[in-house]
Amino acid sequence: MRILVTGGAGFIGSHLCEELLGCGHEVWALDDLSTGRLENLRTFERQPRFRFLEGNVMDSRWSTAWWPRATGSTTWRRRSGSSTCWRTPCAP
């Protein structure tokens, strides 16, 4: 499956990208790097099934060029003081 992860260079998004790649998916990470960091992608950035797209999801070029190509998408956000429920992305 081809999956677009918004916020892919953030702490949670990068771990999600790594997990999805480990499950055999093609992963595109979209991030404007306002809080995400390229260092979070270093362990898997050269994998042939990974693509990094620098930009904001509100930019119309992403909605017309990339969203239609994705077969799945996910957005993970963490708020201060909240607990995050983690579901393994590889589970059916």
PDB file of N, CA and C in Angstrom:
ATOM      1  N   MET A   1       0.834  -1.165   0.000  1.00  0.00           N
ATOM      2  CA  MET A   1       0.000   0.000   0.000  1.00  0.00           C
ATOM      3  C   MET A   1       0.885   1.237   0.000  1.00  0.00           C
ATOM      4  N   ARG A   2       0.465   2.266  -0.687  1.00  0.00           N
ATOM      5  CA  ARG A   2       1.172   3.546  -0.694  1.00  0.00           C
ATOM      6  C   ARG A   2       0.489   4.446   0.329  1.00  0.00           C
ATOM      7  N   ILE A   3       1.245   4.913   1.317  1.00  0.00           N
ATOM      8  CA  ILE A   3       0.663   5.669   2.427  1.00  0.00           C
ATOM      9  C   ILE A   3       1.350   7.018   2.572  1.00  0.00           C
ATOM     10  N   LEU A   4       0.545   8.050   2.715  1.00  0.00           N
ATOM     11  CA  LEU A   4       1.048   9.396   2.975  1.00  0.00           C
ATOM     12  C   LEU A   4       0.898   9.689   4.458  1.00  0.00           C
ATOM     13  N   VAL A   5       2.008  10.014   5.117  1.00  0.00           N
ATOM     14  CA  VAL A   5       1.996  10.349   6.539  1.00  0.00           C
ATOM     15  C   VAL A   5       2.265  11.843   6.664  1.00  0.00           C
ATOM     16  N   THR A   6       1.260  12.598   7.096  1.00  0.00           N
ATOM     17  CA  THR A   6       1.474  14.021   7.331  1.00  0.00           C
ATOM     18  C   THR A   6       2.147  14.186   8.679  1.00  0.00           C
ATOM     19  N   GLY A   7       3.055  15.147   8.749  1.00  0.00           N
ATOM     20  CA  GLY A   7       3.848  15.291   9.969  1.00  0.00           C
ATOM     21  C   GLY A   7       4.879  14.189  10.087  1.00  0.00           C
ATOM     22  N   GLY A   8       5.316  13.671   8.944  1.00  0.00           N
ATOM     23  CA  GLY A   8       6.200  12.510   8.910  1.00  0.00           C
ATOM     24  C   GLY A   8       7.590  12.718   9.483  1.00  0.00           C
ATOM     25  N   ALA A   9       8.042  13.962   9.624  1.00  0.00           N
ATOM     26  CA  ALA A   9       9.369  14.205  10.190  1.00  0.00           C
ATOM     27  C   ALA A   9       9.301  14.506  11.679  1.00  0.00           C
ATOM     28  N   GLY A  10       8.118  14.447  12.245  1.00  0.00           N
ATOM     29  CA  GLY A  10       7.979  14.646  13.683  1.00  0.00           C
ATOM     30  C   GLY A  10       8.329  13.373  14.430  1.00  0.00           C
ATOM     31  N   PHE A  11       8.329  13.440  15.734  1.00  0.00           N
ATOM     32  CA  PHE A  11       8.710  12.288  16.548  1.00  0.00           C
ATOM     33  C   PHE A  11       7.779  11.097  16.307  1.00  0.00           C
ATOM     34  N   ILE A  12       6.499  11.309  16.439  1.00  0.00           N
ATOM     35  CA  ILE A  12       5.546  10.210  16.252  1.00  0.00           C
ATOM     36  C   ILE A  12       5.447   9.815  14.777  1.00  0.00           C
ATOM     37  N   GLY A  13       5.355  10.813  13.896  1.00  0.00           N
ATOM     38  CA  GLY A  13       5.238  10.529  12.466  1.00  0.00           C
ATOM     39  C   GLY A  13       6.411   9.745  11.914  1.00  0.00           C
ATOM     40  N   SER A  14       7.619  10.061  12.354  1.00  0.00           N
ATOM     41  CA  SER A  14       8.799   9.343  11.856  1.00  0.00           C
ATOM     42  C   SER A  14       8.803   7.889  12.333  1.00  0.00           C
ATOM     43  N   HIS A  15       8.357   7.660  13.563  1.00  0.00           N
ATOM     44  CA  HIS A  15       8.271   6.281  14.046  1.00  0.00           C
ATOM     45  C   HIS A  15       7.192   5.511  13.294  1.00  0.00           C
ATOM     46  N   LEU A  16       6.109   6.178  12.963  1.00  0.00           N
ATOM     47  CA  LEU A  16       5.056   5.551  12.173  1.00  0.00           C
ATOM     48  C   LEU A  16       5.579   5.207  10.780  1.00  0.00           C
ATOM     49  N   CYS A  17       6.318   6.111  10.162  1.00  0.00           N
ATOM     50  CA  CYS A  17       6.921   5.850   8.849  1.00  0.00           C
ATOM     51  C   CYS A  17       7.823   4.627   8.909  1.00  0.00           C
ATOM     52  N   GLU A  18       8.657   4.559   9.918  1.00  0.00           N
ATOM     53  CA  GLU A  18       9.581   3.439  10.074  1.00  0.00           C
ATOM     54  C   GLU A  18       8.829   2.119  10.223  1.00  0.00           C
ATOM     55  N   GLU A  19       7.764   2.128  11.009  1.00  0.00           N
ATOM     56  CA  GLU A  19       6.957   0.922  11.210  1.00  0.00           C
ATOM     57  C   GLU A  19       6.263   0.491   9.915  1.00  0.00           C
ATOM     58  N   LEU A  20       5.711   1.448   9.195  1.00  0.00           N
ATOM     59  CA  LEU A  20       5.033   1.140   7.936  1.00  0.00           C
ATOM     60  C   LEU A  20       6.010   0.599   6.890  1.00  0.00           C
ATOM     61  N   LEU A  21       7.198   1.178   6.830  1.00  0.00           N
ATOM     62  CA  LEU A  21       8.234   0.665   5.924  1.00  0.00           C
ATOM     63  C   LEU A  21       8.607  -0.764   6.293  1.00  0.00           C
ATOM     64  N   GLY A  22       8.719  -1.034   7.588  1.00  0.00           N
ATOM     65  CA  GLY A  22       9.036  -2.382   8.057  1.00  0.00           C
ATOM     66  C   GLY A  22       7.966  -3.397   7.694  1.00  0.00           C
ATOM     67  N   CYS A  23       6.747  -2.918   7.490  1.00  0.00           N
ATOM     68  CA  CYS A  23       5.641  -3.797   7.086  1.00  0.00           C
ATOM     69  C   CYS A  23       5.555  -3.948   5.570  1.00  0.00           C
ATOM     70  N   GLY A  24       6.465  -3.297   4.845  1.00  0.00           N
ATOM     71  CA  GLY A  24       6.505  -3.450   3.398  1.00  0.00           C
ATOM     72  C   GLY A  24       5.733  -2.413   2.599  1.00  0.00           C
ATOM     73  N   HIS A  25       5.242  -1.366   3.248  1.00  0.00           N
ATOM     74  CA  HIS A  25       4.483  -0.337   2.544  1.00  0.00           C
ATOM     75  C   HIS A  25       5.401   0.679   1.891  1.00  0.00           C
ATOM     76  N   GLU A  26       4.881   1.355   0.876  1.00  0.00           N
ATOM     77  CA  GLU A  26       5.556   2.512   0.303  1.00  0.00           C
ATOM     78  C   GLU A  26       5.067   3.709   1.107  1.00  0.00           C
ATOM     79  N   VAL A  27       6.007   4.540   1.609  1.00  0.00           N
ATOM     80  CA  VAL A  27       5.641   5.617   2.517  1.00  0.00           C
ATOM     81  C   VAL A  27       6.134   6.950   1.970  1.00  0.00           C
ATOM     82  N   TRP A  28       5.215   7.912   1.931  1.00  0.00           N
ATOM     83  CA  TRP A  28       5.556   9.293   1.626  1.00  0.00           C
ATOM     84  C   TRP A  28       5.317  10.089   2.881  1.00  0.00           C
ATOM     85  N   ALA A  29       6.315  10.837   3.331  1.00  0.00           N
ATOM     86  CA  ALA A  29       6.187  11.675   4.517  1.00  0.00           C
ATOM     87  C   ALA A  29       6.120  13.130   4.082  1.00  0.00           C
ATOM     88  N   LEU A  30       5.048  13.801   4.458  1.00  0.00           N
ATOM     89  CA  LEU A  30       4.875  15.226   4.162  1.00  0.00           C
ATOM     90  C   LEU A  30       5.064  16.000   5.460  1.00  0.00           C
ATOM     91  N   ASP A  31       5.957  16.995   5.439  1.00  0.00           N
ATOM     92  CA  ASP A  31       6.197  17.787   6.641  1.00  0.00           C
ATOM     93  C   ASP A  31       6.761  19.143   6.227  1.00  0.00           C
ATOM     94  N   ASP A  32       6.307  20.202   6.879  1.00  0.00           N
ATOM     95  CA  ASP A  32       6.837  21.534   6.570  1.00  0.00           C
ATOM     96  C   ASP A  32       8.036  21.889   7.446  1.00  0.00           C
ATOM     97  N   LEU A  33       8.440  20.963   8.307  1.00  0.00           N
ATOM     98  CA  LEU A  33       9.603  21.114   9.182  1.00  0.00           C
ATOM     99  C   LEU A  33       9.478  22.279  10.163  1.00  0.00           C
ATOM    100  N   SER A  34       8.248  22.684  10.455  1.00  0.00           N
ATOM    101  CA  SER A  34       8.066  23.736  11.453  1.00  0.00           C
ATOM    102  C   SER A  34       8.377  23.202  12.849  1.00  0.00           C
ATOM    103  N   THR A  35       8.049  21.943  13.099  1.00  0.00           N
ATOM    104  CA  THR A  35       8.442  21.302  14.357  1.00  0.00           C
ATOM    105  C   THR A  35       9.121  19.964  14.107  1.00  0.00           C
ATOM    106  N   GLY A  36       8.924  19.382  12.941  1.00  0.00           N
ATOM    107  CA  GLY A  36       9.583  18.123  12.591  1.00  0.00           C
ATOM    108  C   GLY A  36      11.045  18.357  12.248  1.00  0.00           C
ATOM    109  N   ARG A  37      11.829  17.290  12.274  1.00  0.00           N
ATOM    110  CA  ARG A  37      13.262  17.405  12.015  1.00  0.00           C
ATOM    111  C   ARG A  37      13.719  16.321  11.051  1.00  0.00           C
ATOM    112  N   LEU A  38      14.571  16.693  10.110  1.00  0.00           N
ATOM    113  CA  LEU A  38      15.103  15.729   9.157  1.00  0.00           C
ATOM    114  C   LEU A  38      15.897  14.631   9.852  1.00  0.00           C
ATOM    115  N   GLU A  39      16.487  14.931  10.987  1.00  0.00           N
ATOM    116  CA  GLU A  39      17.258  13.931  11.730  1.00  0.00           C
ATOM    117  C   GLU A  39      16.382  12.728  12.109  1.00  0.00           C
ATOM    118  N   ASN A  40      15.080  12.949  12.260  1.00  0.00           N
ATOM    119  CA  ASN A  40      14.172  11.850  12.606  1.00  0.00           C
ATOM    120  C   ASN A  40      14.006  10.841  11.472  1.00  0.00           C
ATOM    121  N   LEU A  41      14.429  11.209  10.272  1.00  0.00           N
ATOM    122  CA  LEU A  41      14.268  10.341   9.103  1.00  0.00           C
ATOM    123  C   LEU A  41      15.555   9.623   8.712  1.00  0.00           C
ATOM    124  N   ARG A  42      16.649   9.930   9.356  1.00  0.00           N
ATOM    125  CA  ARG A  42      17.968   9.439   8.944  1.00  0.00           C
ATOM    126  C   ARG A  42      18.091   7.911   8.862  1.00  0.00           C
ATOM    127  N   THR A  43      17.430   7.185   9.733  1.00  0.00           N
ATOM    128  CA  THR A  43      17.626   5.732   9.758  1.00  0.00           C
ATOM    129  C   THR A  43      16.983   5.026   8.571  1.00  0.00           C
ATOM    130  N   PHE A  44      16.062   5.691   7.882  1.00  0.00           N
ATOM    131  CA  PHE A  44      15.377   5.017   6.771  1.00  0.00           C
ATOM    132  C   PHE A  44      15.210   5.885   5.526  1.00  0.00           C
ATOM    133  N   GLU A  45      15.791   7.078   5.514  1.00  0.00           N
ATOM    134  CA  GLU A  45      15.555   8.006   4.405  1.00  0.00           C
ATOM    135  C   GLU A  45      16.050   7.499   3.043  1.00  0.00           C
ATOM    136  N   ARG A  46      16.959   6.569   3.032  1.00  0.00           N
ATOM    137  CA  ARG A  46      17.498   6.059   1.759  1.00  0.00           C
ATOM    138  C   ARG A  46      16.806   4.785   1.275  1.00  0.00           C
ATOM    139  N   GLN A  47      15.804   4.341   1.996  1.00  0.00           N
ATOM    140  CA  GLN A  47      15.062   3.160   1.550  1.00  0.00           C
ATOM    141  C   GLN A  47      14.303   3.504   0.269  1.00  0.00           C
ATOM    142  N   PRO A  48      14.312   2.600  -0.701  1.00  0.00           N
ATOM    143  CA  PRO A  48      13.671   2.904  -1.984  1.00  0.00           C
ATOM    144  C   PRO A  48      12.153   3.096  -1.896  1.00  0.00           C
ATOM    145  N   ARG A  49      11.531   2.611  -0.852  1.00  0.00           N
ATOM    146  CA  ARG A  49      10.080   2.769  -0.721  1.00  0.00           C
ATOM    147  C   ARG A  49       9.698   4.004   0.086  1.00  0.00           C
ATOM    148  N   PHE A  50      10.666   4.888   0.373  1.00  0.00           N
ATOM    149  CA  PHE A  50      10.394   6.086   1.169  1.00  0.00           C
ATOM    150  C   PHE A  50      10.613   7.347   0.342  1.00  0.00           C
ATOM    151  N   ARG A  51       9.701   8.294   0.491  1.00  0.00           N
ATOM    152  CA  ARG A  51       9.833   9.608  -0.142  1.00  0.00           C
ATOM    153  C   ARG A  51       9.529  10.670   0.905  1.00  0.00           C
ATOM    154  N   PHE A  52      10.351  11.730   0.933  1.00  0.00           N
ATOM    155  CA  PHE A  52      10.072  12.867   1.809  1.00  0.00           C
ATOM    156  C   PHE A  52       9.632  14.039   0.948  1.00  0.00           C
ATOM    157  N   LEU A  53       8.531  14.658   1.343  1.00  0.00           N
ATOM    158  CA  LEU A  53       7.993  15.820   0.642  1.00  0.00           C
ATOM    159  C   LEU A  53       7.967  16.982   1.624  1.00  0.00           C
ATOM    160  N   GLU A  54       8.715  18.030   1.337  1.00  0.00           N
ATOM    161  CA  GLU A  54       8.707  19.180   2.235  1.00  0.00           C
ATOM    162  C   GLU A  54       7.590  20.124   1.825  1.00  0.00           C
ATOM    163  N   GLY A  55       6.662  20.338   2.715  1.00  0.00           N
ATOM    164  CA  GLY A  55       5.544  21.225   2.428  1.00  0.00           C
ATOM    165  C   GLY A  55       4.470  21.112   3.488  1.00  0.00           C
ATOM    166  N   ASN A  56       3.432  21.895   3.277  1.00  0.00           N
ATOM    167  CA  ASN A  56       2.316  21.964   4.201  1.00  0.00           C
ATOM    168  C   ASN A  56       1.092  21.335   3.547  1.00  0.00           C
ATOM    169  N   VAL A  57       0.325  20.600   4.304  1.00  0.00           N
ATOM    170  CA  VAL A  57      -0.849  19.918   3.780  1.00  0.00           C
ATOM    171  C   VAL A  57      -1.884  20.913   3.240  1.00  0.00           C
ATOM    172  N   MET A  58      -1.819  22.156   3.658  1.00  0.00           N
ATOM    173  CA  MET A  58      -2.750  23.178   3.177  1.00  0.00           C
ATOM    174  C   MET A  58      -2.380  23.709   1.798  1.00  0.00           C
ATOM    175  N   ASP A  59      -1.182  23.421   1.338  1.00  0.00           N
ATOM    176  CA  ASP A  59      -0.723  23.862   0.024  1.00  0.00           C
ATOM    177  C   ASP A  59      -1.463  23.071  -1.055  1.00  0.00           C
ATOM    178  N   SER A  60      -2.108  23.737  -1.966  1.00  0.00           N
ATOM    179  CA  SER A  60      -2.938  23.070  -2.977  1.00  0.00           C
ATOM    180  C   SER A  60      -2.147  22.140  -3.900  1.00  0.00           C
ATOM    181  N   ARG A  61      -0.865  22.386  -4.081  1.00  0.00           N
ATOM    182  CA  ARG A  61      -0.099  21.490  -4.968  1.00  0.00           C
ATOM    183  C   ARG A  61      -0.027  20.071  -4.407  1.00  0.00           C
ATOM    184  N   TRP A  62      -0.055  19.927  -3.074  1.00  0.00           N
ATOM    185  CA  TRP A  62      -0.027  18.587  -2.496  1.00  0.00           C
ATOM    186  C   TRP A  62      -1.381  17.914  -2.642  1.00  0.00           C
ATOM    187  N   SER A  63      -2.442  18.671  -2.478  1.00  0.00           N
ATOM    188  CA  SER A  63      -3.771  18.055  -2.561  1.00  0.00           C
ATOM    189  C   SER A  63      -4.083  17.595  -3.977  1.00  0.00           C
ATOM    190  N   THR A  64      -3.576  18.290  -4.972  1.00  0.00           N
ATOM    191  CA  THR A  64      -3.871  17.887  -6.350  1.00  0.00           C
ATOM    192  C   THR A  64      -2.846  16.911  -6.911  1.00  0.00           C
ATOM    193  N   ALA A  65      -1.603  16.991  -6.454  1.00  0.00           N
ATOM    194  CA  ALA A  65      -0.553  16.141  -7.028  1.00  0.00           C
ATOM    195  C   ALA A  65      -0.320  14.840  -6.269  1.00  0.00           C
ATOM    196  N   TRP A  66      -0.375  14.858  -4.947  1.00  0.00           N
ATOM    197  CA  TRP A  66       0.025  13.691  -4.172  1.00  0.00           C
ATOM    198  C   TRP A  66      -1.117  12.929  -3.534  1.00  0.00           C
ATOM    199  N   TRP A  67      -2.132  13.620  -2.996  1.00  0.00           N
ATOM    200  CA  TRP A  67      -3.216  12.916  -2.314  1.00  0.00           C
ATOM    201  C   TRP A  67      -3.908  11.885  -3.202  1.00  0.00           C
ATOM    202  N   PRO A  68      -4.195  12.204  -4.469  1.00  0.00           N
ATOM    203  CA  PRO A  68      -4.883  11.196  -5.299  1.00  0.00           C
ATOM    204  C   PRO A  68      -4.063   9.929  -5.540  1.00  0.00           C
ATOM    205  N   ARG A  69      -2.753   9.996  -5.402  1.00  0.00           N
ATOM    206  CA  ARG A  69      -1.893   8.830  -5.627  1.00  0.00           C
ATOM    207  C   ARG A  69      -1.791   7.921  -4.412  1.00  0.00           C
ATOM    208  N   ALA A  70      -2.127   8.440  -3.258  1.00  0.00           N
ATOM    209  CA  ALA A  70      -2.002   7.653  -2.030  1.00  0.00           C
ATOM    210  C   ALA A  70      -3.162   6.663  -1.919  1.00  0.00           C
ATOM    211  N   THR A  71      -2.857   5.470  -1.438  1.00  0.00           N
ATOM    212  CA  THR A  71      -3.903   4.483  -1.199  1.00  0.00           C
ATOM    213  C   THR A  71      -4.298   4.451   0.261  1.00  0.00           C
ATOM    214  N   GLY A  72      -3.624   5.246   1.083  1.00  0.00           N
ATOM    215  CA  GLY A  72      -3.961   5.372   2.501  1.00  0.00           C
ATOM    216  C   GLY A  72      -3.254   6.586   3.045  1.00  0.00           C
ATOM    217  N   SER A  73      -3.798   7.175   4.100  1.00  0.00           N
ATOM    218  CA  SER A  73      -3.127   8.314   4.722  1.00  0.00           C
ATOM    219  C   SER A  73      -3.403   8.284   6.215  1.00  0.00           C
ATOM    220  N   THR A  74      -2.527   8.928   6.942  1.00  0.00           N
ATOM    221  CA  THR A  74      -2.709   8.993   8.388  1.00  0.00           C
ATOM    222  C   THR A  74      -2.102  10.276   8.927  1.00  0.00           C
ATOM    223  N   THR A  75      -2.697  10.814   9.947  1.00  0.00           N
ATOM    224  CA  THR A  75      -2.172  11.985  10.628  1.00  0.00           C
ATOM    225  C   THR A  75      -2.120  11.672  12.112  1.00  0.00           C
ATOM    226  N   TRP A  76      -0.971  11.869  12.726  1.00  0.00           N
ATOM    227  CA  TRP A  76      -0.817  11.638  14.163  1.00  0.00           C
ATOM    228  C   TRP A  76      -0.397  12.945  14.782  1.00  0.00           C
ATOM    229  N   ARG A  77      -1.124  13.336  15.808  1.00  0.00           N
ATOM    230  CA  ARG A  77      -0.734  14.529  16.548  1.00  0.00           C
ATOM    231  C   ARG A  77      -0.761  14.215  18.018  1.00  0.00           C
ATOM    232  N   ARG A  78       0.162  14.771  18.725  1.00  0.00           N
ATOM    233  CA  ARG A  78       0.227  14.577  20.170  1.00  0.00           C
ATOM    234  C   ARG A  78       0.025  15.927  20.831  1.00  0.00           C
ATOM    235  N   ARG A  79      -0.882  15.961  21.777  1.00  0.00           N
ATOM    236  CA  ARG A  79      -1.106  17.187  22.531  1.00  0.00           C
ATOM    237  C   ARG A  79      -0.475  17.033  23.900  1.00  0.00           C
ATOM    238  N   SER A  80       0.036  18.109  24.404  1.00  0.00           N
ATOM    239  CA  SER A  80       0.650  18.088  25.729  1.00  0.00           C
ATOM    240  C   SER A  80      -0.330  17.579  26.777  1.00  0.00           C
ATOM    241  N   GLY A  81       0.131  16.658  27.586  1.00  0.00           N
ATOM    242  CA  GLY A  81      -0.682  16.152  28.676  1.00  0.00           C
ATOM    243  C   GLY A  81      -1.702  15.099  28.292  1.00  0.00           C
ATOM    244  N   SER A  82      -1.768  14.734  27.007  1.00  0.00           N
ATOM    245  CA  SER A  82      -2.744  13.718  26.620  1.00  0.00           C
ATOM    246  C   SER A  82      -2.041  12.391  26.372  1.00  0.00           C
ATOM    247  N   SER A  83      -2.756  11.313  26.572  1.00  0.00           N
ATOM    248  CA  SER A  83      -2.180  10.007  26.278  1.00  0.00           C
ATOM    249  C   SER A  83      -2.521   9.646  24.838  1.00  0.00           C
ATOM    250  N   THR A  84      -1.630   8.948  24.201  1.00  0.00           N
ATOM    251  CA  THR A  84      -1.838   8.560  22.812  1.00  0.00           C
ATOM    252  C   THR A  84      -2.134   7.079  22.753  1.00  0.00           C
ATOM    253  N   CYS A  85      -3.176   6.732  22.057  1.00  0.00           N
ATOM    254  CA  CYS A  85      -3.524   5.322  21.860  1.00  0.00           C
ATOM    255  C   CYS A  85      -2.807   4.851  20.598  1.00  0.00           C
ATOM    256  N   TRP A  86      -1.992   3.835  20.712  1.00  0.00           N
ATOM    257  CA  TRP A  86      -1.194   3.327  19.585  1.00  0.00           C
ATOM    258  C   TRP A  86      -1.799   2.042  19.056  1.00  0.00           C
ATOM    259  N   ARG A  87      -2.091   2.018  17.796  1.00  0.00           N
ATOM    260  CA  ARG A  87      -2.560   0.807  17.149  1.00  0.00           C
ATOM    261  C   ARG A  87      -1.495   0.420  16.132  1.00  0.00           C
ATOM    262  N   THR A  88      -1.056  -0.801  16.162  1.00  0.00           N
ATOM    263  CA  THR A  88      -0.017  -1.230  15.231  1.00  0.00           C
ATOM    264  C   THR A  88      -0.526  -1.085  13.809  1.00  0.00           C
ATOM    265  N   PRO A  89       0.173  -0.286  12.973  1.00  0.00           N
ATOM    266  CA  PRO A  89      -0.312  -0.031  11.623  1.00  0.00           C
ATOM    267  C   PRO A  89      -0.314  -1.261  10.725  1.00  0.00           C
ATOM    268  N   CYS A  90       0.395  -2.310  11.096  1.00  0.00           N
ATOM    269  CA  CYS A  90       0.449  -3.507  10.269  1.00  0.00           C
ATOM    270  C   CYS A  90      -0.715  -4.456  10.550  1.00  0.00           C
ATOM    271  N   ALA A  91      -1.429  -4.216  11.622  1.00  0.00           N
ATOM    272  CA  ALA A  91      -2.528  -5.116  11.987  1.00  0.00           C
ATOM    273  C   ALA A  91      -3.649  -5.012  10.963  1.00  0.00           C
ATOM    274  N   PRO A  92      -4.291  -6.136  10.652  1.00  0.00           N
ATOM    275  CA  PRO A  92      -5.397  -6.079   9.670  1.00  0.00           C
ATOM    276  C   PRO A  92      -6.590  -5.323  10.207  1.00  0.00           C
TER     277      PRO A  92
END
